[in-house]
Amino acid sequence: MNKRRIIIYIILVIFFTLFNFYFRPIKGNPLVNSTYRKSKEYINDLYKSDEMFKKSLLKDDTYYIYDEIISASLNSKTKVKIKCSEDCQNDFMNSYYAVYLDHPELISFVGIGYYNISNNYIEYENYGNIDQFRTFFGTRRIDRELDIIRGETKNMTDKEKIIYVYDYVASHNYDRLFTFSKSNQSAYSFFTGGKSVCAGFAKASQLIFQYIGINSYLVLSTNHMWNYVEYEGKYYVFDATMGASLNDKNSSRFYDGLGETTIKSTIGKYSNLYPKIETTKLKDIFKL
């Protein structure tokens, strides 16, 4: 009898775990509707992308490079070969960065290990590509976590929401042991593993902000990633990696990420594509 009860208990635990993390009904992202799901921009329900960087950085006849990078990631291709034009290097790198900035919901894409360009072909390797099984269940789990966050923030002011997101993201561990790991460069590592690095923190923040109705952008530099966030019609630096790196909310510098970045630069790639960024720190405006 005891053995039978243990088996029933284990089955119930598994059932409720699967239900809560993966199959619990939710409202989902309020911006992702049936029309968007039929568009070329759609990848999953985590995020609605306007593909601003694709449209701003690429010529129409090079969109296929961008699209192929996404397709290869979604189909778990490790090695990829794409035909390109005379300006292969520039077209490929802009496509790569545009995917990174346009689609934080593409949790299977963590970066490119190496690439080679010859005879008008690009050959590159997706490193740490998350397989389709983990992508499917990871997406469902993130969706449900975002739904919980939206519920917790629904009655908050924009100021309270921004502080909430900063606290929430910074409460996760910075992956100091595997800073350059293949597996910690997306929102997948953040939500499912509880730790990440700047790319995972910034992408997670971007997903959360859209879910709870705060406008924001992803920002990429040579060796860092963060966000710009809108507050009362103006945009400010938001870098939760700062708080996660300190890992101490009582530190006088914990909220410095609401105004500066861990690399002490607030300007990333493609600065001309963003709205004007205020130099006043949200930390000071919020009196934190």
C-alpha atoms as a PDB file:
ATOM      1  CA  MET A   1       0.000   0.000   0.000  1.00  0.00           C
ATOM      2  CA  ASN A   2       2.792   2.424   0.898  1.00  0.00           C
ATOM      3  CA  LYS A   3       4.541   1.734  -2.389  1.00  0.00           C
ATOM      4  CA  ARG A   4       1.296   2.429  -4.237  1.00  0.00           C
ATOM      5  CA  ARG A   5       0.816   5.729  -2.407  1.00  0.00           C
ATOM      6  CA  ILE A   6       4.357   6.769  -3.257  1.00  0.00           C
ATOM      7  CA  ILE A   7       3.758   6.035  -6.944  1.00  0.00           C
ATOM      8  CA  ILE A   8       0.501   8.011  -6.912  1.00  0.00           C
ATOM      9  CA  TYR A   9       2.262  10.883  -5.134  1.00  0.00           C
ATOM     10  CA  ILE A  10       5.070  10.933  -7.715  1.00  0.00           C
ATOM     11  CA  ILE A  11       2.550  10.902 -10.563  1.00  0.00           C
ATOM     12  CA  LEU A  12       0.657  13.821  -9.011  1.00  0.00           C
ATOM     13  CA  VAL A  13       3.844  15.823  -8.501  1.00  0.00           C
ATOM     14  CA  ILE A  14       4.840  15.276 -12.129  1.00  0.00           C
ATOM     15  CA  PHE A  15       1.341  16.172 -13.330  1.00  0.00           C
ATOM     16  CA  PHE A  16       1.111  19.420 -11.362  1.00  0.00           C
ATOM     17  CA  THR A  17       4.672  20.399 -12.310  1.00  0.00           C
ATOM     18  CA  LEU A  18       3.959  19.911 -15.994  1.00  0.00           C
ATOM     19  CA  PHE A  19       0.634  21.716 -15.688  1.00  0.00           C
ATOM     20  CA  ASN A  20       2.027  24.698 -13.799  1.00  0.00           C
ATOM     21  CA  PHE A  21       5.169  25.234 -15.869  1.00  0.00           C
ATOM     22  CA  TYR A  22       4.069  24.121 -19.322  1.00  0.00           C
ATOM     23  CA  PHE A  23       0.349  23.584 -19.849  1.00  0.00           C
ATOM     24  CA  ARG A  24      -1.485  25.963 -17.509  1.00  0.00           C
ATOM     25  CA  PRO A  25      -3.873  28.136 -19.577  1.00  0.00           C
ATOM     26  CA  ILE A  26      -2.732  31.762 -19.802  1.00  0.00           C
ATOM     27  CA  LYS A  27      -3.792  34.945 -21.591  1.00  0.00           C
ATOM     28  CA  GLY A  28      -0.416  35.330 -23.282  1.00  0.00           C
ATOM     29  CA  ASN A  29       1.278  38.379 -24.722  1.00  0.00           C
ATOM     30  CA  PRO A  30      -1.431  41.029 -25.272  1.00  0.00           C
ATOM     31  CA  LEU A  31       0.309  42.269 -28.444  1.00  0.00           C
ATOM     32  CA  VAL A  32       0.486  38.876 -30.160  1.00  0.00           C
ATOM     33  CA  ASN A  33      -2.802  38.324 -31.957  1.00  0.00           C
ATOM     34  CA  SER A  34      -3.981  36.086 -34.806  1.00  0.00           C
ATOM     35  CA  THR A  35      -2.947  38.645 -37.426  1.00  0.00           C
ATOM     36  CA  TYR A  36       0.596  38.846 -36.116  1.00  0.00           C
ATOM     37  CA  ARG A  37       0.843  35.061 -35.907  1.00  0.00           C
ATOM     38  CA  LYS A  38       0.337  34.948 -39.679  1.00  0.00           C
ATOM     39  CA  SER A  39       3.043  37.533 -40.377  1.00  0.00           C
ATOM     40  CA  LYS A  40       6.651  36.856 -41.430  1.00  0.00           C
ATOM     41  CA  GLU A  41       7.865  38.479 -38.206  1.00  0.00           C
ATOM     42  CA  TYR A  42       6.203  35.874 -35.976  1.00  0.00           C
ATOM     43  CA  ILE A  43       8.396  33.307 -34.206  1.00  0.00           C
ATOM     44  CA  ASN A  44       6.448  32.510 -31.051  1.00  0.00           C
ATOM     45  CA  ASP A  45       4.000  34.093 -28.601  1.00  0.00           C
ATOM     46  CA  LEU A  46       6.662  35.524 -26.297  1.00  0.00           C
ATOM     47  CA  TYR A  47       7.241  38.707 -28.252  1.00  0.00           C
ATOM     48  CA  LYS A  48       5.922  40.892 -31.050  1.00  0.00           C
ATOM     49  CA  SER A  49       8.773  42.211 -33.166  1.00  0.00           C
ATOM     50  CA  ASP A  50       8.594  45.100 -35.619  1.00  0.00           C
ATOM     51  CA  GLU A  51      11.970  43.986 -37.041  1.00  0.00           C
ATOM     52  CA  MET A  52      13.183  47.579 -36.901  1.00  0.00           C
ATOM     53  CA  PHE A  53      16.842  46.645 -37.193  1.00  0.00           C
ATOM     54  CA  LYS A  54      16.263  44.369 -40.171  1.00  0.00           C
ATOM     55  CA  LYS A  55      14.440  47.143 -42.006  1.00  0.00           C
ATOM     56  CA  SER A  56      16.970  49.799 -41.012  1.00  0.00           C
ATOM     57  CA  LEU A  57      20.255  47.943 -41.490  1.00  0.00           C
ATOM     58  CA  LEU A  58      19.601  45.669 -44.460  1.00  0.00           C
ATOM     59  CA  LYS A  59      18.732  46.148 -48.098  1.00  0.00           C
ATOM     60  CA  ASP A  60      15.650  44.326 -49.385  1.00  0.00           C
ATOM     61  CA  ASP A  61      17.767  41.949 -51.429  1.00  0.00           C
ATOM     62  CA  THR A  62      19.723  40.832 -48.335  1.00  0.00           C
ATOM     63  CA  TYR A  63      16.720  40.076 -46.122  1.00  0.00           C
ATOM     64  CA  TYR A  64      17.135  36.413 -47.037  1.00  0.00           C
ATOM     65  CA  ILE A  65      20.369  36.236 -45.005  1.00  0.00           C
ATOM     66  CA  TYR A  66      18.521  37.455 -41.917  1.00  0.00           C
ATOM     67  CA  ASP A  67      15.673  35.023 -42.593  1.00  0.00           C
ATOM     68  CA  GLU A  68      18.068  32.114 -43.102  1.00  0.00           C
ATOM     69  CA  ILE A  69      19.818  32.771 -39.776  1.00  0.00           C
ATOM     70  CA  ILE A  70      16.434  32.560 -38.043  1.00  0.00           C
ATOM     71  CA  SER A  71      15.349  29.484 -39.986  1.00  0.00           C
ATOM     72  CA  ALA A  72      18.614  27.667 -39.295  1.00  0.00           C
ATOM     73  CA  SER A  73      18.260  28.315 -35.583  1.00  0.00           C
ATOM     74  CA  LEU A  74      14.628  27.201 -35.450  1.00  0.00           C
ATOM     75  CA  ASN A  75      15.520  24.007 -37.283  1.00  0.00           C
ATOM     76  CA  SER A  76      18.528  23.258 -35.052  1.00  0.00           C
ATOM     77  CA  LYS A  77      21.052  23.479 -37.879  1.00  0.00           C
ATOM     78  CA  THR A  78      24.575  23.505 -36.522  1.00  0.00           C
ATOM     79  CA  LYS A  79      26.448  24.342 -39.709  1.00  0.00           C
ATOM     80  CA  VAL A  80      24.946  26.759 -42.215  1.00  0.00           C
ATOM     81  CA  LYS A  81      25.939  27.899 -45.694  1.00  0.00           C
ATOM     82  CA  ILE A  82      24.328  30.953 -47.310  1.00  0.00           C
ATOM     83  CA  LYS A  83      24.996  32.561 -50.691  1.00  0.00           C
ATOM     84  CA  CYS A  84      25.765  36.276 -50.458  1.00  0.00           C
ATOM     85  CA  SER A  85      26.654  39.310 -52.557  1.00  0.00           C
ATOM     86  CA  GLU A  86      29.878  41.286 -53.002  1.00  0.00           C
ATOM     87  CA  ASP A  87      29.438  43.060 -49.655  1.00  0.00           C
ATOM     88  CA  CYS A  88      29.197  39.722 -47.884  1.00  0.00           C
ATOM     89  CA  GLN A  89      30.951  40.631 -44.644  1.00  0.00           C
ATOM     90  CA  ASN A  90      28.849  43.699 -43.938  1.00  0.00           C
ATOM     91  CA  ASP A  91      25.560  42.081 -44.984  1.00  0.00           C
ATOM     92  CA  PHE A  92      26.173  39.033 -42.820  1.00  0.00           C
ATOM     93  CA  MET A  93      27.249  40.889 -39.681  1.00  0.00           C
ATOM     94  CA  ASN A  94      24.373  43.368 -39.911  1.00  0.00           C
ATOM     95  CA  SER A  95      21.956  40.462 -40.412  1.00  0.00           C
ATOM     96  CA  TYR A  96      23.418  38.667 -37.402  1.00  0.00           C
ATOM     97  CA  TYR A  97      23.165  41.700 -35.126  1.00  0.00           C
ATOM     98  CA  ALA A  98      19.695  42.545 -36.425  1.00  0.00           C
ATOM     99  CA  VAL A  99      18.397  39.068 -35.502  1.00  0.00           C
ATOM    100  CA  TYR A 100      19.962  39.421 -32.053  1.00  0.00           C
ATOM    101  CA  LEU A 101      18.258  42.781 -31.462  1.00  0.00           C
ATOM    102  CA  ASP A 102      14.929  42.172 -33.202  1.00  0.00           C
ATOM    103  CA  HIS A 103      14.083  38.784 -31.703  1.00  0.00           C
ATOM    104  CA  PRO A 104      14.744  38.246 -27.986  1.00  0.00           C
ATOM    105  CA  GLU A 105      12.051  35.562 -28.154  1.00  0.00           C
ATOM    106  CA  LEU A 106      14.282  33.436 -30.417  1.00  0.00           C
ATOM    107  CA  ILE A 107      15.577  31.476 -27.438  1.00  0.00           C
ATOM    108  CA  SER A 108      17.232  28.832 -29.628  1.00  0.00           C
ATOM    109  CA  PHE A 109      19.686  31.403 -31.002  1.00  0.00           C
ATOM    110  CA  VAL A 110      22.641  32.072 -28.729  1.00  0.00           C
ATOM    111  CA  GLY A 111      25.204  33.230 -31.261  1.00  0.00           C
ATOM    112  CA  ILE A 112      27.662  32.248 -33.956  1.00  0.00           C
ATOM    113  CA  GLY A 113      30.797  30.319 -33.116  1.00  0.00           C
ATOM    114  CA  TYR A 114      32.782  31.134 -36.243  1.00  0.00           C
ATOM    115  CA  TYR A 115      32.162  32.124 -39.825  1.00  0.00           C
ATOM    116  CA  ASN A 116      34.049  32.031 -43.083  1.00  0.00           C
ATOM    117  CA  ILE A 117      33.347  33.922 -46.290  1.00  0.00           C
ATOM    118  CA  SER A 118      34.626  32.688 -49.647  1.00  0.00           C
ATOM    119  CA  ASN A 119      33.373  32.516 -53.231  1.00  0.00           C
ATOM    120  CA  ASN A 120      30.310  34.583 -52.320  1.00  0.00           C
ATOM    121  CA  TYR A 121      29.223  32.112 -49.675  1.00  0.00           C
ATOM    122  CA  ILE A 122      28.995  32.490 -45.907  1.00  0.00           C
ATOM    123  CA  GLU A 123      29.632  29.394 -43.835  1.00  0.00           C
ATOM    124  CA  TYR A 124      29.033  29.646 -40.109  1.00  0.00           C
ATOM    125  CA  GLU A 125      28.316  27.502 -37.074  1.00  0.00           C
ATOM    126  CA  ASN A 126      25.516  28.029 -34.573  1.00  0.00           C
ATOM    127  CA  TYR A 127      27.074  27.338 -31.208  1.00  0.00           C
ATOM    128  CA  GLY A 128      25.046  26.062 -28.306  1.00  0.00           C
ATOM    129  CA  ASN A 129      21.945  25.901 -30.475  1.00  0.00           C
ATOM    130  CA  ILE A 130      18.992  24.825 -28.314  1.00  0.00           C
ATOM    131  CA  ASP A 131      17.203  21.874 -29.897  1.00  0.00           C
ATOM    132  CA  GLN A 132      13.553  21.961 -30.919  1.00  0.00           C
ATOM    133  CA  PHE A 133      12.365  19.927 -27.923  1.00  0.00           C
ATOM    134  CA  ARG A 134      13.911  22.297 -25.377  1.00  0.00           C
ATOM    135  CA  THR A 135      12.825  25.299 -27.433  1.00  0.00           C
ATOM    136  CA  PHE A 136       9.199  24.162 -27.376  1.00  0.00           C
ATOM    137  CA  PHE A 137       9.056  23.487 -23.638  1.00  0.00           C
ATOM    138  CA  GLY A 138      11.290  26.429 -22.806  1.00  0.00           C
ATOM    139  CA  THR A 139       8.990  28.800 -24.668  1.00  0.00           C
ATOM    140  CA  ARG A 140       5.940  27.470 -22.835  1.00  0.00           C
ATOM    141  CA  ARG A 141       7.648  27.801 -19.471  1.00  0.00           C
ATOM    142  CA  ILE A 142       8.788  31.379 -20.166  1.00  0.00           C
ATOM    143  CA  ASP A 143       5.286  32.301 -21.344  1.00  0.00           C
ATOM    144  CA  ARG A 144       3.846  31.160 -18.018  1.00  0.00           C
ATOM    145  CA  GLU A 145       6.497  32.958 -16.009  1.00  0.00           C
ATOM    146  CA  LEU A 146       5.742  36.147 -17.907  1.00  0.00           C
ATOM    147  CA  ASP A 147       2.053  35.661 -17.194  1.00  0.00           C
ATOM    148  CA  ILE A 148       2.806  35.516 -13.452  1.00  0.00           C
ATOM    149  CA  ILE A 149       4.867  38.706 -13.708  1.00  0.00           C
ATOM    150  CA  ARG A 150       2.081  40.512 -15.522  1.00  0.00           C
ATOM    151  CA  GLY A 151      -0.345  39.519 -12.793  1.00  0.00           C
ATOM    152  CA  GLU A 152       1.990  40.788 -10.087  1.00  0.00           C
ATOM    153  CA  THR A 153       2.526  44.137 -11.837  1.00  0.00           C
ATOM    154  CA  LYS A 154      -0.945  44.850 -13.247  1.00  0.00           C
ATOM    155  CA  ASN A 155      -1.812  47.499 -10.640  1.00  0.00           C
ATOM    156  CA  MET A 156       1.633  49.118 -10.540  1.00  0.00           C
ATOM    157  CA  THR A 157       2.648  52.519 -11.899  1.00  0.00           C
ATOM    158  CA  ASP A 158       5.285  52.629 -14.649  1.00  0.00           C
ATOM    159  CA  LYS A 159       7.893  53.604 -12.065  1.00  0.00           C
ATOM    160  CA  GLU A 160       6.983  50.624  -9.898  1.00  0.00           C
ATOM    161  CA  LYS A 161       7.042  48.303 -12.917  1.00  0.00           C
ATOM    162  CA  ILE A 162      10.529  49.401 -13.967  1.00  0.00           C
ATOM    163  CA  ILE A 163      11.886  48.928 -10.434  1.00  0.00           C
ATOM    164  CA  TYR A 164      10.113  45.556 -10.210  1.00  0.00           C
ATOM    165  CA  VAL A 165      11.743  44.338 -13.447  1.00  0.00           C
ATOM    166  CA  TYR A 166      15.157  45.552 -12.308  1.00  0.00           C
ATOM    167  CA  ASP A 167      14.821  43.794  -8.946  1.00  0.00           C
ATOM    168  CA  TYR A 168      13.450  40.636 -10.533  1.00  0.00           C
ATOM    169  CA  VAL A 169      16.147  40.338 -13.201  1.00  0.00           C
ATOM    170  CA  ALA A 170      18.971  41.322 -10.853  1.00  0.00           C
ATOM    171  CA  SER A 171      17.849  38.678  -8.350  1.00  0.00           C
ATOM    172  CA  HIS A 172      19.055  36.002 -10.787  1.00  0.00           C
ATOM    173  CA  ASN A 173      22.641  34.844 -10.620  1.00  0.00           C
ATOM    174  CA  TYR A 174      25.318  36.200 -12.898  1.00  0.00           C
ATOM    175  CA  ASP A 175      26.995  33.166 -14.463  1.00  0.00           C
ATOM    176  CA  ARG A 176      30.535  33.983 -13.358  1.00  0.00           C
ATOM    177  CA  LEU A 177      31.816  30.445 -13.891  1.00  0.00           C
ATOM    178  CA  PHE A 178      30.712  30.262 -17.520  1.00  0.00           C
ATOM    179  CA  THR A 179      30.838  33.910 -18.594  1.00  0.00           C
ATOM    180  CA  PHE A 180      31.604  32.939 -22.189  1.00  0.00           C
ATOM    181  CA  SER A 181      29.514  29.784 -22.251  1.00  0.00           C
ATOM    182  CA  LYS A 182      27.487  28.833 -25.277  1.00  0.00           C
ATOM    183  CA  SER A 183      24.356  28.218 -23.215  1.00  0.00           C
ATOM    184  CA  ASN A 184      23.841  31.463 -21.292  1.00  0.00           C
ATOM    185  CA  GLN A 185      23.348  33.996 -24.074  1.00  0.00           C
ATOM    186  CA  SER A 186      19.552  33.920 -24.348  1.00  0.00           C
ATOM    187  CA  ALA A 187      16.426  34.314 -22.254  1.00  0.00           C
ATOM    188  CA  TYR A 188      16.305  30.513 -22.052  1.00  0.00           C
ATOM    189  CA  SER A 189      19.182  30.296 -19.572  1.00  0.00           C
ATOM    190  CA  PHE A 190      17.708  33.128 -17.529  1.00  0.00           C
ATOM    191  CA  PHE A 191      14.200  31.713 -17.139  1.00  0.00           C
ATOM    192  CA  THR A 192      14.928  27.995 -17.036  1.00  0.00           C
ATOM    193  CA  GLY A 193      18.361  27.930 -15.382  1.00  0.00           C
ATOM    194  CA  GLY A 194      18.077  30.889 -13.023  1.00  0.00           C
ATOM    195  CA  LYS A 195      21.369  32.394 -14.169  1.00  0.00           C
ATOM    196  CA  SER A 196      22.739  34.115 -17.222  1.00  0.00           C
ATOM    197  CA  VAL A 197      25.021  36.868 -18.476  1.00  0.00           C
ATOM    198  CA  CYS A 198      24.277  40.301 -19.916  1.00  0.00           C
ATOM    199  CA  ALA A 199      22.634  39.019 -23.108  1.00  0.00           C
ATOM    200  CA  GLY A 200      20.227  36.803 -21.176  1.00  0.00           C
ATOM    201  CA  PHE A 201      19.424  39.581 -18.688  1.00  0.00           C
ATOM    202  CA  ALA A 202      18.759  42.132 -21.431  1.00  0.00           C
ATOM    203  CA  LYS A 203      16.621  39.795 -23.539  1.00  0.00           C
ATOM    204  CA  ALA A 204      14.613  38.675 -20.501  1.00  0.00           C
ATOM    205  CA  SER A 205      14.053  42.329 -19.564  1.00  0.00           C
ATOM    206  CA  GLN A 206      12.881  43.078 -23.112  1.00  0.00           C
ATOM    207  CA  LEU A 207      10.341  40.238 -23.029  1.00  0.00           C
ATOM    208  CA  ILE A 208       9.047  41.288 -19.617  1.00  0.00           C
ATOM    209  CA  PHE A 209       8.720  44.961 -20.518  1.00  0.00           C
ATOM    210  CA  GLN A 210       6.572  44.197 -23.555  1.00  0.00           C
ATOM    211  CA  TYR A 211       4.361  41.849 -21.540  1.00  0.00           C
ATOM    212  CA  ILE A 212       3.659  44.499 -18.895  1.00  0.00           C
ATOM    213  CA  GLY A 213       3.257  47.486 -21.222  1.00  0.00           C
ATOM    214  CA  ILE A 214       6.588  49.330 -20.940  1.00  0.00           C
ATOM    215  CA  ASN A 215       8.344  50.430 -24.146  1.00  0.00           C
ATOM    216  CA  SER A 216      11.997  49.433 -24.368  1.00  0.00           C
ATOM    217  CA  TYR A 217      14.827  48.604 -26.743  1.00  0.00           C
ATOM    218  CA  LEU A 218      17.692  46.119 -26.761  1.00  0.00           C
ATOM    219  CA  VAL A 219      21.160  47.645 -27.069  1.00  0.00           C
ATOM    220  CA  LEU A 220      24.294  45.817 -28.176  1.00  0.00           C
ATOM    221  CA  SER A 221      27.948  46.804 -27.946  1.00  0.00           C
ATOM    222  CA  THR A 222      31.108  44.840 -28.693  1.00  0.00           C
ATOM    223  CA  ASN A 223      31.097  43.057 -25.338  1.00  0.00           C
ATOM    224  CA  HIS A 224      27.856  43.933 -23.563  1.00  0.00           C
ATOM    225  CA  MET A 225      24.068  44.085 -23.919  1.00  0.00           C
ATOM    226  CA  TRP A 226      21.494  46.171 -22.073  1.00  0.00           C
ATOM    227  CA  ASN A 227      18.206  48.057 -22.585  1.00  0.00           C
ATOM    228  CA  TYR A 228      16.791  51.521 -23.076  1.00  0.00           C
ATOM    229  CA  VAL A 229      13.479  51.933 -21.263  1.00  0.00           C
ATOM    230  CA  GLU A 230      10.789  54.604 -21.640  1.00  0.00           C
ATOM    231  CA  TYR A 231       9.542  56.542 -18.643  1.00  0.00           C
ATOM    232  CA  GLU A 232       7.168  59.503 -18.988  1.00  0.00           C
ATOM    233  CA  GLY A 233       7.949  59.927 -22.678  1.00  0.00           C
ATOM    234  CA  LYS A 234      11.747  59.827 -22.331  1.00  0.00           C
ATOM    235  CA  TYR A 235      14.264  56.991 -22.684  1.00  0.00           C
ATOM    236  CA  TYR A 236      16.841  55.967 -20.094  1.00  0.00           C
ATOM    237  CA  VAL A 237      19.576  53.369 -19.640  1.00  0.00           C
ATOM    238  CA  PHE A 238      18.460  50.134 -17.977  1.00  0.00           C
ATOM    239  CA  ASP A 239      21.156  47.558 -17.237  1.00  0.00           C
ATOM    240  CA  ALA A 240      20.034  44.907 -14.742  1.00  0.00           C
ATOM    241  CA  THR A 241      23.377  43.150 -15.167  1.00  0.00           C
ATOM    242  CA  MET A 242      24.753  45.827 -12.853  1.00  0.00           C
ATOM    243  CA  GLY A 243      22.488  44.703 -10.022  1.00  0.00           C
ATOM    244  CA  ALA A 244      23.028  41.015 -10.736  1.00  0.00           C
ATOM    245  CA  SER A 245      26.796  41.496 -10.726  1.00  0.00           C
ATOM    246  CA  LEU A 246      26.695  43.156  -7.318  1.00  0.00           C
ATOM    247  CA  ASN A 247      24.157  40.598  -6.065  1.00  0.00           C
ATOM    248  CA  ASP A 248      23.434  42.762  -3.025  1.00  0.00           C
ATOM    249  CA  LYS A 249      20.352  44.952  -2.949  1.00  0.00           C
ATOM    250  CA  ASN A 250      21.694  46.739   0.119  1.00  0.00           C
ATOM    251  CA  SER A 251      24.725  47.957  -1.811  1.00  0.00           C
ATOM    252  CA  SER A 252      24.771  51.689  -2.490  1.00  0.00           C
ATOM    253  CA  ARG A 253      25.541  50.878  -6.148  1.00  0.00           C
ATOM    254  CA  PHE A 254      22.848  48.237  -6.683  1.00  0.00           C
ATOM    255  CA  TYR A 255      20.585  50.575  -8.674  1.00  0.00           C
ATOM    256  CA  ASP A 256      23.380  52.183 -10.703  1.00  0.00           C
ATOM    257  CA  GLY A 257      22.111  50.102 -13.615  1.00  0.00           C
ATOM    258  CA  LEU A 258      19.213  52.552 -13.843  1.00  0.00           C
ATOM    259  CA  GLY A 259      21.422  55.096 -15.541  1.00  0.00           C
ATOM    260  CA  GLU A 260      24.724  53.481 -16.472  1.00  0.00           C
ATOM    261  CA  THR A 261      26.083  50.168 -17.695  1.00  0.00           C
ATOM    262  CA  THR A 262      28.690  47.755 -16.421  1.00  0.00           C
ATOM    263  CA  ILE A 263      31.054  48.884 -19.202  1.00  0.00           C
ATOM    264  CA  LYS A 264      30.591  52.587 -18.358  1.00  0.00           C
ATOM    265  CA  SER A 265      29.321  53.368 -21.853  1.00  0.00           C
ATOM    266  CA  THR A 266      25.693  54.085 -22.648  1.00  0.00           C
ATOM    267  CA  ILE A 267      26.098  54.122 -26.431  1.00  0.00           C
ATOM    268  CA  GLY A 268      26.020  50.850 -28.346  1.00  0.00           C
ATOM    269  CA  LYS A 269      25.903  49.839 -31.988  1.00  0.00           C
ATOM    270  CA  TYR A 270      23.527  51.663 -34.341  1.00  0.00           C
ATOM    271  CA  SER A 271      23.007  54.614 -31.971  1.00  0.00           C
ATOM    272  CA  ASN A 272      21.297  56.596 -34.752  1.00  0.00           C
ATOM    273  CA  LEU A 273      18.361  54.156 -34.731  1.00  0.00           C
ATOM    274  CA  TYR A 274      17.318  54.858 -31.146  1.00  0.00           C
ATOM    275  CA  PRO A 275      15.388  57.807 -29.713  1.00  0.00           C
ATOM    276  CA  LYS A 276      17.290  60.408 -27.712  1.00  0.00           C
ATOM    277  CA  ILE A 277      18.648  58.854 -24.508  1.00  0.00           C
ATOM    278  CA  GLU A 278      18.548  60.986 -21.361  1.00  0.00           C
ATOM    279  CA  THR A 279      21.739  61.476 -19.360  1.00  0.00           C
ATOM    280  CA  THR A 280      19.820  61.902 -16.109  1.00  0.00           C
ATOM    281  CA  LYS A 281      19.706  58.588 -14.269  1.00  0.00           C
ATOM    282  CA  LEU A 282      16.428  56.894 -13.430  1.00  0.00           C
ATOM    283  CA  LYS A 283      18.080  56.015 -10.145  1.00  0.00           C
ATOM    284  CA  ASP A 284      18.120  59.726  -9.313  1.00  0.00           C
ATOM    285  CA  ILE A 285      14.637  60.408 -10.666  1.00  0.00           C
ATOM    286  CA  PHE A 286      13.259  57.516  -8.615  1.00  0.00           C
ATOM    287  CA  LYS A 287      15.362  58.561  -5.584  1.00  0.00           C
ATOM    288  CA  LEU A 288      16.820  55.072  -5.144  1.00  0.00           C
END
